[in-house]
Amino acid sequence: MDFYTLIQIGISSIVATSVMTIFSYLVSASFRELYKEPVLLSYCISSFNISLSDKVKRILSWLIHYGIGFMFVLGYHLIWEYRIIEKSWLSALILGIISGIIGIASWLSIFKISKYEPNIDFKGYYLQLFIAHVLFALAALPVYNLF
């Protein structure tokens, strides 16, 4: 993979993760719930009793959040590059749906492993998480196509 492709994936993932995050923050504010993935990640990290400052935990949670976004777009790139499915709005929608399912399964695992039980409406959280992943994929496609 060349440097140009890494930049393409990197910029696409930053934009897509930012779109997803803004959506989660807006839904959190609208429903007065804690649906903010980086904040939830920070709490999960805290539950492991790792001796890090709160600031470092917050930074780490944001890096993890954007790193996972990079991995998703890298997966999309490989799927499109090897023509497993053609690059299109429909494929982005399908990848968003698959990503949403993976995201929900991942958060179920994260909460279980960390033993962190947030006081949130889980049905609402997972619904917004699913939609956020669809928006993520739909945002990744046009940015990816700019290159």
Protein backbone atom coordinates (compact mmCIF):
# COMPACT_ATOMS: atom_id res chain seq x y z
CA MET A 1 0.00 0.00 0.00
CA ASP A 2 1.49 3.32 -1.01
CA PHE A 3 1.56 6.60 0.89
CA TYR A 4 -1.15 8.12 -1.33
CA THR A 5 -3.55 5.29 -0.45
CA LEU A 6 -2.82 5.70 3.26
CA ILE A 7 -3.66 9.40 2.96
CA GLN A 8 -6.87 8.53 1.08
CA ILE A 9 -7.92 6.06 3.77
CA GLY A 10 -6.78 8.38 6.57
CA ILE A 11 -8.68 11.44 5.40
CA SER A 12 -11.77 9.39 4.56
CA SER A 13 -11.71 7.80 8.02
CA ILE A 14 -11.25 11.14 9.81
CA VAL A 15 -14.23 12.67 7.98
CA ALA A 16 -16.41 9.57 8.40
CA THR A 17 -15.56 9.15 12.10
CA SER A 18 -16.22 12.85 12.67
CA VAL A 19 -19.64 12.61 10.96
CA MET A 20 -20.49 9.58 13.08
CA THR A 21 -19.29 11.28 16.27
CA ILE A 22 -21.22 14.49 15.58
CA PHE A 23 -24.35 12.40 15.02
CA SER A 24 -23.81 10.54 18.32
CA TYR A 25 -23.26 13.82 20.18
CA LEU A 26 -26.42 15.33 18.65
CA VAL A 27 -28.50 12.28 19.56
CA SER A 28 -27.00 12.35 23.07
CA ALA A 29 -28.01 15.97 23.51
CA SER A 30 -31.46 15.46 21.96
CA PHE A 31 -32.36 12.50 24.16
CA ARG A 32 -30.29 13.55 27.20
CA GLU A 33 -28.45 10.24 27.15
CA LEU A 34 -24.76 9.33 27.19
CA TYR A 35 -24.30 7.95 23.67
CA LYS A 36 -20.85 9.50 23.12
CA GLU A 37 -18.51 6.68 22.11
CA PRO A 38 -15.23 8.37 23.18
CA VAL A 39 -16.69 9.17 26.63
CA LEU A 40 -17.99 5.62 27.04
CA LEU A 41 -14.59 4.27 25.95
CA SER A 42 -12.91 6.45 28.57
CA TYR A 43 -15.18 5.05 31.28
CA CYS A 44 -14.48 1.50 30.08
CA ILE A 45 -10.73 2.17 30.23
CA SER A 46 -11.19 3.51 33.77
CA SER A 47 -12.92 0.31 34.83
CA PHE A 48 -9.67 -1.62 34.24
CA ASN A 49 -8.00 0.35 37.06
CA ILE A 50 -5.07 1.30 34.86
CA SER A 51 -3.06 4.05 36.50
CA LEU A 52 -3.46 6.76 33.89
CA SER A 53 -4.59 10.32 34.40
CA ASP A 54 -8.12 11.18 33.33
CA LYS A 55 -6.66 13.36 30.57
CA VAL A 56 -4.60 10.47 29.18
CA LYS A 57 -7.66 8.18 29.32
CA ARG A 58 -9.69 10.74 27.37
CA ILE A 59 -6.95 11.16 24.76
CA LEU A 60 -6.52 7.39 24.50
CA SER A 61 -10.27 6.90 24.03
CA TRP A 62 -10.33 9.43 21.16
CA LEU A 63 -7.29 7.78 19.54
CA ILE A 64 -8.95 4.37 19.83
CA HIS A 65 -12.20 5.78 18.39
CA TYR A 66 -10.48 7.29 15.35
CA GLY A 67 -8.17 4.26 15.01
CA ILE A 68 -11.18 1.96 14.75
CA GLY A 69 -12.63 4.31 12.13
CA PHE A 70 -9.39 3.96 10.17
CA MET A 71 -9.64 0.16 10.36
CA PHE A 72 -13.22 0.22 9.05
CA VAL A 73 -12.26 2.40 6.06
CA LEU A 74 -9.22 0.19 5.45
CA GLY A 75 -11.65 -2.73 5.27
CA TYR A 76 -13.87 -0.82 2.84
CA HIS A 77 -10.79 -0.02 0.73
CA LEU A 78 -9.81 -3.68 0.50
CA ILE A 79 -13.37 -4.69 -0.38
CA TRP A 80 -13.52 -2.04 -3.12
CA GLU A 81 -9.93 -2.55 -4.32
CA TYR A 82 -10.36 -6.30 -4.74
CA ARG A 83 -13.81 -5.72 -6.26
CA ILE A 84 -15.59 -7.90 -3.74
CA ILE A 85 -18.38 -5.39 -4.21
CA GLU A 86 -18.32 -2.38 -6.51
CA LYS A 87 -17.77 1.06 -5.05
CA SER A 88 -21.22 2.69 -5.00
CA TRP A 89 -23.80 4.25 -2.71
CA LEU A 90 -25.45 0.86 -2.39
CA SER A 91 -22.19 -0.80 -1.36
CA ALA A 92 -21.57 2.00 1.16
CA LEU A 93 -25.05 1.40 2.59
CA ILE A 94 -24.40 -2.35 2.80
CA LEU A 95 -20.99 -1.76 4.42
CA GLY A 96 -22.63 0.69 6.85
CA ILE A 97 -25.21 -1.92 7.85
CA ILE A 98 -22.49 -4.55 8.33
CA SER A 99 -20.38 -2.02 10.25
CA GLY A 100 -23.36 -1.20 12.46
CA ILE A 101 -23.80 -4.86 13.35
CA ILE A 102 -20.06 -5.17 14.05
CA GLY A 103 -20.20 -1.98 16.13
CA ILE A 104 -23.08 -3.25 18.26
CA ALA A 105 -21.38 -6.62 18.79
CA SER A 106 -18.16 -4.84 19.70
CA TRP A 107 -19.83 -2.59 22.27
CA LEU A 108 -21.66 -5.55 23.80
CA SER A 109 -18.23 -7.19 24.21
CA ILE A 110 -16.56 -4.01 25.49
CA PHE A 111 -19.21 -3.54 28.17
CA LYS A 112 -18.97 -7.20 29.17
CA ILE A 113 -15.15 -7.33 29.28
CA SER A 114 -14.80 -4.01 31.10
CA LYS A 115 -17.71 -4.77 33.44
CA TYR A 116 -18.75 -1.15 32.93
CA GLU A 117 -22.53 -0.79 33.04
CA PRO A 118 -23.52 2.71 31.99
CA ASN A 119 -26.87 4.01 33.11
CA ILE A 120 -28.21 4.47 29.57
CA ASP A 121 -31.10 3.33 27.42
CA PHE A 122 -29.28 0.46 25.69
CA LYS A 123 -31.95 -0.02 23.01
CA GLY A 124 -31.65 3.67 22.10
CA TYR A 125 -27.86 3.51 22.25
CA TYR A 126 -27.60 0.54 19.91
CA LEU A 127 -30.15 2.04 17.50
CA GLN A 128 -28.23 5.31 17.26
CA LEU A 129 -24.95 3.37 17.02
CA PHE A 130 -26.31 1.39 14.07
CA ILE A 131 -27.48 4.56 12.30
CA ALA A 132 -24.15 6.26 13.09
CA HIS A 133 -22.28 3.44 11.35
CA VAL A 134 -24.48 3.73 8.27
CA LEU A 135 -23.76 7.49 8.21
CA PHE A 136 -20.06 6.67 8.69
CA ALA A 137 -19.96 4.51 5.56
CA LEU A 138 -22.05 6.97 3.53
CA ALA A 139 -19.65 9.77 4.55
CA ALA A 140 -16.55 7.69 3.81
CA LEU A 141 -17.52 6.96 0.19
CA PRO A 142 -17.53 10.49 -1.31
CA VAL A 143 -14.34 11.49 0.50
CA TYR A 144 -12.67 8.25 -0.59
CA ASN A 145 -13.77 8.96 -4.18
CA LEU A 146 -12.06 12.38 -4.14
CA PHE A 147 -8.71 10.61 -4.52
